[in-house]
Amino acid sequence: MNLTAVLHAGFGVSVLAGILVSDTTLRIAAFALGVVLFVAGIVVSRRGD
C-alpha cells in the first residue's frame, strides 16, 4: 500500500468516526482530521508525478 492510499484510508476512517461520535467537538475534530488527511493524500500523489 502506498502513502496516498494510507492517507485516503485514514480519511475514510476519520469521517466514519466523525459520523459515529455523538460529541460535537469530537465530531468536528474528526471531520477536520479527515479533510487534512484527504488533502495530504492529494498533495503526496501530485508530488509523485
C-alpha atoms as a PDB file:
ATOM      1  CA  MET A   1       0.000   0.000   0.000  1.00  0.00           C
ATOM      2  CA  ASN A   2       1.425   3.361  -0.938  1.00  0.00           C
ATOM      3  CA  LEU A   3       1.293   6.504   1.181  1.00  0.00           C
ATOM      4  CA  THR A   4      -1.545   8.035  -0.839  1.00  0.00           C
ATOM      5  CA  ALA A   5      -3.737   5.004  -0.197  1.00  0.00           C
ATOM      6  CA  VAL A   6      -2.926   5.069   3.511  1.00  0.00           C
ATOM      7  CA  LEU A   7      -3.800   8.765   3.786  1.00  0.00           C
ATOM      8  CA  HIS A   8      -7.078   8.312   1.925  1.00  0.00           C
ATOM      9  CA  ALA A   9      -7.942   5.276   4.062  1.00  0.00           C
ATOM     10  CA  GLY A  10      -7.272   7.427   7.127  1.00  0.00           C
ATOM     11  CA  PHE A  11      -9.676   9.970   5.665  1.00  0.00           C
ATOM     12  CA  GLY A  12     -12.378   7.315   5.414  1.00  0.00           C
ATOM     13  CA  VAL A  13     -11.832   6.095   8.956  1.00  0.00           C
ATOM     14  CA  SER A  14     -11.814   9.635  10.317  1.00  0.00           C
ATOM     15  CA  VAL A  15     -15.064  10.571   8.579  1.00  0.00           C
ATOM     16  CA  LEU A  16     -16.686   7.338   9.756  1.00  0.00           C
ATOM     17  CA  ALA A  17     -15.570   8.094  13.310  1.00  0.00           C
ATOM     18  CA  GLY A  18     -16.998  11.590  12.960  1.00  0.00           C
ATOM     19  CA  ILE A  19     -20.348  10.142  11.959  1.00  0.00           C
ATOM     20  CA  LEU A  20     -20.393   7.668  14.850  1.00  0.00           C
ATOM     21  CA  VAL A  21     -19.273  10.070  17.602  1.00  0.00           C
ATOM     22  CA  SER A  22     -22.048  11.924  19.392  1.00  0.00           C
ATOM     23  CA  ASP A  23     -19.999  14.742  20.949  1.00  0.00           C
ATOM     24  CA  THR A  24     -19.996  17.817  18.713  1.00  0.00           C
ATOM     25  CA  THR A  25     -16.394  18.817  19.443  1.00  0.00           C
ATOM     26  CA  LEU A  26     -15.047  15.349  18.666  1.00  0.00           C
ATOM     27  CA  ARG A  27     -17.191  15.178  15.530  1.00  0.00           C
ATOM     28  CA  ILE A  28     -15.761  18.454  14.215  1.00  0.00           C
ATOM     29  CA  ALA A  29     -12.220  17.338  15.100  1.00  0.00           C
ATOM     30  CA  ALA A  30     -12.693  14.014  13.283  1.00  0.00           C
ATOM     31  CA  PHE A  31     -14.052  15.742  10.176  1.00  0.00           C
ATOM     32  CA  ALA A  32     -11.200  18.278  10.262  1.00  0.00           C
ATOM     33  CA  LEU A  33      -8.650  15.476  10.556  1.00  0.00           C
ATOM     34  CA  GLY A  34     -10.338  13.750   7.626  1.00  0.00           C
ATOM     35  CA  VAL A  35     -10.023  16.866   5.483  1.00  0.00           C
ATOM     36  CA  VAL A  36      -6.341  17.224   6.378  1.00  0.00           C
ATOM     37  CA  LEU A  37      -5.652  13.574   5.525  1.00  0.00           C
ATOM     38  CA  PHE A  38      -7.547  13.841   2.235  1.00  0.00           C
ATOM     39  CA  VAL A  39      -5.644  16.945   1.148  1.00  0.00           C
ATOM     40  CA  ALA A  40      -2.352  15.381   2.254  1.00  0.00           C
ATOM     41  CA  GLY A  41      -3.148  12.341   0.110  1.00  0.00           C
ATOM     42  CA  ILE A  42      -3.724  14.565  -2.907  1.00  0.00           C
ATOM     43  CA  VAL A  43      -0.500  16.500  -2.272  1.00  0.00           C
ATOM     44  CA  VAL A  44       1.530  13.299  -1.920  1.00  0.00           C
ATOM     45  CA  SER A  45       0.089  11.848  -5.113  1.00  0.00           C
ATOM     46  CA  ARG A  46       0.807  15.065  -7.049  1.00  0.00           C
ATOM     47  CA  ARG A  47       4.401  15.205  -5.796  1.00  0.00           C
ATOM     48  CA  GLY A  48       4.940  11.684  -7.111  1.00  0.00           C
ATOM     49  CA  ASP A  49       4.222  12.775 -10.715  1.00  0.00           C
END
